[in-house]
Structures are given as structure tokens and as C-alpha cells.
C-alpha atoms as a PDB file:
ATOM      1  CA  UNK A   1      56.030 140.992  55.456  1.00  0.00           C
ATOM      2  CA  UNK A   2      54.384 141.994  52.178  1.00  0.00           C
ATOM      3  CA  UNK A   3      52.603 144.937  53.770  1.00  0.00           C
ATOM      4  CA  UNK A   4      55.834 146.955  53.936  1.00  0.00           C
ATOM      5  CA  UNK A   5      56.543 146.570  50.236  1.00  0.00           C
ATOM      6  CA  UNK A   6      54.847 149.039  47.893  1.00  0.00           C
ATOM      7  CA  UNK A   7      55.074 146.996  44.682  1.00  0.00           C
ATOM      8  CA  UNK A   8      53.868 143.403  44.650  1.00  0.00           C
ATOM      9  CA  UNK A   9      54.390 140.805  41.916  1.00  0.00           C
ATOM     10  CA  UNK A  10      50.732 141.200  40.998  1.00  0.00           C
ATOM     11  CA  UNK A  11      51.247 144.966  40.596  1.00  0.00           C
ATOM     12  CA  UNK A  12      54.074 144.255  38.182  1.00  0.00           C
ATOM     13  CA  UNK A  13      52.009 141.759  36.193  1.00  0.00           C
ATOM     14  CA  UNK A  14      48.992 144.047  35.908  1.00  0.00           C
ATOM     15  CA  UNK A  15      50.793 147.304  35.302  1.00  0.00           C
ATOM     16  CA  UNK A  16      49.976 148.830  31.917  1.00  0.00           C
ATOM     17  CA  UNK A  17      52.375 151.186  30.245  1.00  0.00           C
ATOM     18  CA  UNK A  18      51.171 153.830  27.905  1.00  0.00           C
ATOM     19  CA  UNK A  19      52.149 153.300  24.306  1.00  0.00           C
ATOM     20  CA  UNK A  20      54.014 156.034  22.415  1.00  0.00           C
ATOM     21  CA  UNK A  21      55.367 156.261  19.013  1.00  0.00           C
ATOM     22  CA  UNK A  22      58.623 154.497  18.716  1.00  0.00           C
ATOM     23  CA  UNK A  23      58.318 153.108  22.214  1.00  0.00           C
ATOM     24  CA  UNK A  24      59.452 149.792  23.598  1.00  0.00           C
ATOM     25  CA  UNK A  25      58.413 146.452  22.224  1.00  0.00           C
ATOM     26  CA  UNK A  26      55.295 145.731  24.242  1.00  0.00           C
ATOM     27  CA  UNK A  27      55.704 141.947  24.145  1.00  0.00           C
ATOM     28  CA  UNK A  28      59.318 142.195  25.316  1.00  0.00           C
ATOM     29  CA  UNK A  29      58.328 144.540  28.140  1.00  0.00           C
ATOM     30  CA  UNK A  30      55.494 142.165  29.150  1.00  0.00           C
ATOM     31  CA  UNK A  31      57.832 139.161  29.186  1.00  0.00           C
ATOM     32  CA  UNK A  32      60.406 141.068  31.210  1.00  0.00           C
ATOM     33  CA  UNK A  33      57.772 142.243  33.662  1.00  0.00           C
ATOM     34  CA  UNK A  34      56.519 138.638  33.926  1.00  0.00           C
ATOM     35  CA  UNK A  35      60.068 137.459  34.790  1.00  0.00           C
ATOM     36  CA  UNK A  36      60.433 140.230  37.385  1.00  0.00           C
ATOM     37  CA  UNK A  37      57.062 139.310  38.893  1.00  0.00           C
ATOM     38  CA  UNK A  38      58.085 135.619  39.170  1.00  0.00           C
ATOM     39  CA  UNK A  39      61.446 136.565  40.670  1.00  0.00           C
ATOM     40  CA  UNK A  40      59.840 138.944  43.155  1.00  0.00           C
ATOM     41  CA  UNK A  41      57.258 136.276  44.072  1.00  0.00           C
ATOM     42  CA  UNK A  42      60.069 133.785  44.704  1.00  0.00           C
ATOM     43  CA  UNK A  43      61.867 136.382  46.837  1.00  0.00           C
ATOM     44  CA  UNK A  44      58.666 137.018  48.864  1.00  0.00           C
ATOM     45  CA  UNK A  45      58.136 133.290  49.338  1.00  0.00           C
ATOM     46  CA  UNK A  46      61.767 132.803  50.400  1.00  0.00           C
ATOM     47  CA  UNK A  47      61.500 135.782  52.746  1.00  0.00           C
ATOM     48  CA  UNK A  48      58.298 134.359  54.267  1.00  0.00           C
ATOM     49  CA  UNK A  49      59.920 130.935  54.691  1.00  0.00           C
ATOM     50  CA  UNK A  50      63.019 132.490  56.284  1.00  0.00           C
ATOM     51  CA  UNK A  51      60.839 134.588  58.633  1.00  0.00           C
ATOM     52  CA  UNK A  52      58.980 131.469  59.771  1.00  0.00           C
ATOM     53  CA  UNK A  53      62.265 129.585  60.186  1.00  0.00           C
ATOM     54  CA  UNK A  54      63.683 132.534  62.119  1.00  0.00           C
ATOM     55  CA  UNK A  55      60.623 132.538  64.394  1.00  0.00           C
ATOM     56  CA  UNK A  56      60.962 128.787  64.935  1.00  0.00           C
ATOM     57  CA  UNK A  57      64.673 129.168  65.758  1.00  0.00           C
ATOM     58  CA  UNK A  58      63.902 131.990  68.189  1.00  0.00           C
ATOM     59  CA  UNK A  59      61.370 129.774  69.950  1.00  0.00           C
ATOM     60  CA  UNK A  60      63.830 126.885  70.052  1.00  0.00           C
ATOM     61  CA  UNK A  61      66.536 129.202  71.351  1.00  0.00           C
ATOM     62  CA  UNK A  62      64.147 130.474  73.991  1.00  0.00           C
ATOM     63  CA  UNK A  63      63.335 126.857  74.969  1.00  0.00           C
ATOM     64  CA  UNK A  64      67.025 126.022  75.053  1.00  0.00           C
ATOM     65  CA  UNK A  65      67.688 129.078  77.225  1.00  0.00           C
ATOM     66  CA  UNK A  66      64.954 127.953  79.635  1.00  0.00           C
ATOM     67  CA  UNK A  67      66.393 124.408  79.724  1.00  0.00           C
ATOM     68  CA  UNK A  68      69.876 125.834  80.209  1.00  0.00           C
ATOM     69  CA  UNK A  69      68.614 127.933  83.129  1.00  0.00           C
ATOM     70  CA  UNK A  70      66.872 124.857  84.531  1.00  0.00           C
ATOM     71  CA  UNK A  71      70.079 122.824  84.176  1.00  0.00           C
ATOM     72  CA  UNK A  72      72.101 125.586  85.829  1.00  0.00           C
ATOM     73  CA  UNK A  73      69.586 125.679  88.677  1.00  0.00           C
ATOM     74  CA  UNK A  74      69.692 121.883  88.923  1.00  0.00           C
ATOM     75  CA  UNK A  75      73.500 121.933  89.054  1.00  0.00           C
ATOM     76  CA  UNK A  76      73.404 124.665  91.693  1.00  0.00           C
ATOM     77  CA  UNK A  77      70.810 122.754  93.715  1.00  0.00           C
ATOM     78  CA  UNK A  78      72.833 119.550  93.326  1.00  0.00           C
ATOM     79  CA  UNK A  79      75.980 121.305  94.527  1.00  0.00           C
ATOM     80  CA  UNK A  80      74.078 122.623  97.550  1.00  0.00           C
ATOM     81  CA  UNK A  81      72.717 119.147  98.281  1.00  0.00           C
ATOM     82  CA  UNK A  82      76.191 117.637  97.898  1.00  0.00           C
ATOM     83  CA  UNK A  83      77.605 120.286 100.244  1.00  0.00           C
ATOM     84  CA  UNK A  84      74.809 119.586 102.748  1.00  0.00           C
ATOM     85  CA  UNK A  85      75.368 115.839 102.457  1.00  0.00           C
ATOM     86  CA  UNK A  86      79.109 116.318 102.917  1.00  0.00           C
ATOM     87  CA  UNK A  87      78.508 118.493 105.960  1.00  0.00           C
ATOM     88  CA  UNK A  88      76.024 115.976 107.359  1.00  0.00           C
ATOM     89  CA  UNK A  89      78.476 113.128 106.725  1.00  0.00           C
ATOM     90  CA  UNK A  90      81.295 115.127 108.361  1.00  0.00           C
ATOM     91  CA  UNK A  91      79.125 115.855 111.418  1.00  0.00           C
ATOM     92  CA  UNK A  92      78.003 112.239 111.564  1.00  0.00           C
ATOM     93  CA  UNK A  93      81.610 111.073 111.362  1.00  0.00           C
ATOM     94  CA  UNK A  94      82.569 113.513 114.126  1.00  0.00           C
ATOM     95  CA  UNK A  95      79.721 112.193 116.295  1.00  0.00           C
ATOM     96  CA  UNK A  96      80.740 108.591 115.621  1.00  0.00           C
ATOM     97  CA  UNK A  97      84.355 109.405 116.478  1.00  0.00           C
ATOM     98  CA  UNK A  98      83.274 111.289 119.584  1.00  0.00           C
ATOM     99  CA  UNK A  99      81.059 108.397 120.689  1.00  0.00           C
ATOM    100  CA  UNK A 100      83.868 105.952 119.990  1.00  0.00           C
ATOM    101  CA  UNK A 101      86.287 108.090 122.004  1.00  0.00           C
ATOM    102  CA  UNK A 102      83.811 108.249 124.899  1.00  0.00           C
ATOM    103  CA  UNK A 103      83.266 104.483 124.754  1.00  0.00           C
ATOM    104  CA  UNK A 104      87.016 103.903 124.523  1.00  0.00           C
ATOM    105  CA  UNK A 105      87.542 106.198 127.518  1.00  0.00           C
ATOM    106  CA  UNK A 106      84.882 104.288 129.477  1.00  0.00           C
ATOM    107  CA  UNK A 107      86.455 100.972 128.497  1.00  0.00           C
ATOM    108  CA  UNK A 108      89.884 102.261 129.510  1.00  0.00           C
ATOM    109  CA  UNK A 109      88.490 103.472 132.848  1.00  0.00           C
ATOM    110  CA  UNK A 110      86.823 100.102 133.445  1.00  0.00           C
ATOM    111  CA  UNK A 111      90.018  98.305 132.474  1.00  0.00           C
ATOM    112  CA  UNK A 112      92.053 100.621 134.701  1.00  0.00           C
ATOM    113  CA  UNK A 113      89.643 100.093 137.605  1.00  0.00           C
ATOM    114  CA  UNK A 114      89.659  96.352 136.991  1.00  0.00           C
ATOM    115  CA  UNK A 115      93.460  96.389 136.879  1.00  0.00           C
ATOM    116  CA  UNK A 116      93.582  98.317 140.149  1.00  0.00           C
ATOM    117  CA  UNK A 117      91.126  95.819 141.666  1.00  0.00           C
ATOM    118  CA  UNK A 118      93.251  92.924 140.408  1.00  0.00           C
ATOM    119  CA  UNK A 119      96.360  94.538 141.935  1.00  0.00           C
ATOM    120  CA  UNK A 120      94.499  94.961 145.224  1.00  0.00           C
ATOM    121  CA  UNK A 121      93.382  91.332 145.019  1.00  0.00           C
ATOM    122  CA  UNK A 122      96.975  90.247 144.323  1.00  0.00           C
ATOM    123  CA  UNK A 123      98.284  92.251 147.279  1.00  0.00           C
ATOM    124  CA  UNK A 124      95.519  90.825 149.466  1.00  0.00           C
ATOM    125  CA  UNK A 125      96.220  87.292 148.247  1.00  0.00           C
ATOM    126  CA  UNK A 126      99.943  87.799 148.792  1.00  0.00           C
ATOM    127  CA  UNK A 127      99.168  88.930 152.343  1.00  0.00           C
ATOM    128  CA  UNK A 128      96.927  85.889 152.830  1.00  0.00           C
ATOM    129  CA  UNK A 129      99.653  83.635 151.402  1.00  0.00           C
ATOM    130  CA  UNK A 130     102.230  85.107 153.795  1.00  0.00           C
ATOM    131  CA  UNK A 131      99.772  84.714 156.661  1.00  0.00           C
ATOM    132  CA  UNK A 132      98.981  81.132 155.640  1.00  0.00           C
ATOM    133  CA  UNK A 133     102.662  80.354 155.249  1.00  0.00           C
ATOM    134  CA  UNK A 134     103.291  81.775 158.720  1.00  0.00           C
ATOM    135  CA  UNK A 135     100.370  79.777 160.150  1.00  0.00           C
ATOM    136  CA  UNK A 136     101.538  76.631 158.379  1.00  0.00           C
ATOM    137  CA  UNK A 137     105.050  77.248 159.612  1.00  0.00           C
ATOM    138  CA  UNK A 138     103.733  77.709 163.126  1.00  0.00           C
ATOM    139  CA  UNK A 139     101.608  74.558 162.843  1.00  0.00           C
ATOM    140  CA  UNK A 140     104.514  72.574 161.410  1.00  0.00           C
ATOM    141  CA  UNK A 141     106.810  73.904 164.114  1.00  0.00           C
ATOM    142  CA  UNK A 142     104.230  73.113 166.790  1.00  0.00           C
ATOM    143  CA  UNK A 143     103.812  69.595 165.396  1.00  0.00           C
ATOM    144  CA  UNK A 144     107.567  69.256 165.176  1.00  0.00           C
ATOM    145  CA  UNK A 145     107.873  70.257 168.842  1.00  0.00           C
ATOM    146  CA  UNK A 146     105.070  67.862 169.708  1.00  0.00           C
ATOM    147  CA  UNK A 147     106.894  65.127 167.789  1.00  0.00           C
ATOM    148  CA  UNK A 148     110.115  65.986 169.571  1.00  0.00           C
ATOM    149  CA  UNK A 149     108.310  65.957 172.894  1.00  0.00           C
ATOM    150  CA  UNK A 150     106.636  62.721 171.897  1.00  0.00           C
ATOM    151  CA  UNK A 151     110.052  61.268 171.020  1.00  0.00           C
ATOM    152  CA  UNK A 152     111.475  62.457 174.276  1.00  0.00           C
ATOM    153  CA  UNK A 153     108.591  60.956 176.206  1.00  0.00           C
ATOM    154  CA  UNK A 154     108.861  57.773 174.200  1.00  0.00           C
ATOM    155  CA  UNK A 155     112.560  57.601 174.949  1.00  0.00           C
ATOM    156  CA  UNK A 156     111.917  58.166 178.626  1.00  0.00           C
ATOM    157  CA  UNK A 157     109.291  55.431 178.596  1.00  0.00           C
ATOM    158  CA  UNK A 158     111.528  53.180 176.582  1.00  0.00           C
ATOM    159  CA  UNK A 159     114.341  53.844 179.012  1.00  0.00           C
ATOM    160  CA  UNK A 160     111.985  53.273 181.922  1.00  0.00           C
ATOM    161  CA  UNK A 161     110.745  50.116 180.295  1.00  0.00           C
ATOM    162  CA  UNK A 162     114.253  48.977 179.554  1.00  0.00           C
ATOM    163  CA  UNK A 163     115.305  49.694 183.096  1.00  0.00           C
ATOM    164  CA  UNK A 164     112.359  47.904 184.388  1.00  0.00           C
ATOM    165  CA  UNK A 165     113.386  44.910 182.396  1.00  0.00           C
ATOM    166  CA  UNK A 166     117.026  45.117 183.052  1.00  0.00           C
ATOM    167  CA  UNK A 167     118.776  42.474 185.208  1.00  0.00           C
ATOM    168  CA  UNK A 168     119.040  44.701 188.158  1.00  0.00           C
ATOM    169  CA  UNK A 169     115.497  44.756 188.637  1.00  0.00           C
ATOM    170  CA  UNK A 170     115.049  41.112 187.758  1.00  0.00           C
ATOM    171  CA  UNK A 171     117.289  40.179 190.658  1.00  0.00           C
ATOM    172  CA  UNK A 172     115.154  41.900 193.079  1.00  0.00           C
ATOM    173  CA  UNK A 173     112.276  39.840 191.970  1.00  0.00           C
ATOM    174  CA  UNK A 174     114.315  36.644 192.175  1.00  0.00           C
ATOM    175  CA  UNK A 175     115.591  37.072 195.701  1.00  0.00           C
END
């Protein structure tokens, strides 16, 4: 920074003024120049310190800008990943629902087929029951007729037996 300035504190301290008659008090001028030199030196030092601080702040700002860009990129990447995960989850859910619907449809078809089979079995069993009832009825009726015939034959035999034992017949044997 000092290169741009034409007068340095050292220049002020070493500058010699020519002495003239009735001129300024040389000691007072020297003291004043010494004060100016110290003030200018302090200004240069402060300027140098502020330049270094400014450079440091610029570097920090640059680092912060890079981190900010990195954070923005991270947020953007995270949003993309979240969107992809959401889309993947949505597709997965759709596939699960679709599979469940297919399985449910298959189960319903099996149940419907089983129900139809059960209805067929019921109709078949009802037909068999009716047939068995008819056969049983026929058997019972046939047995009933046989019993009736057996009763009739028994009655005829009993009557024949009774007649054979009746007194009319006994007299024939006694004569």
C-alpha cells in the first residue's frame, strides 16, 4: 500500500527546510513534523491492518460462498433423492396393491368355483337323498306288502289249523 503514497513518515522526519531570516521556529517545526510522521505511520499501520483484515474477510466470504453453493447443491440433490424415493415408494405401493388385487381376484375366483362346486354337490346330494328316500320307500312298501302277505298267509294257515282242529273234523276221526 505504501508504494502509492509519495510522502512517507520517514520522508517527513528527514526533510530539512532551508532557514531564512525571520523564519519559523526550527524546533517547533521539527516537533510538528515528528507528530505528523507518527500520525502518518499510525495511519499506514492501520491501513495495512485493515487491508489484511479485508483480505481475510474476502477469503472467508469466498469460503462461505463455496459452502453455500455446496449446501444448495446438497439440498437440491436431497430433494431429487426424496422425489425419487417418493416415486419409488408410490410405484412399490401400486405394485403391492396390484398384486393384492390379483391375489384377491384369484381367491374370489377360487371361492366362487368352490361355492359352485358345493352347490353342485348339494344338488347331487339332494338328488341322491331323493333317490334313497324313494328306494327306502319302495323297500319299506315291499316289506310292508310282504308282511301283509305274510299275515294273510298266517291267517290262512291259522284258519286252516283252526279248522283242522275244530269239532267237525274231530268227529270224523271219532266215528
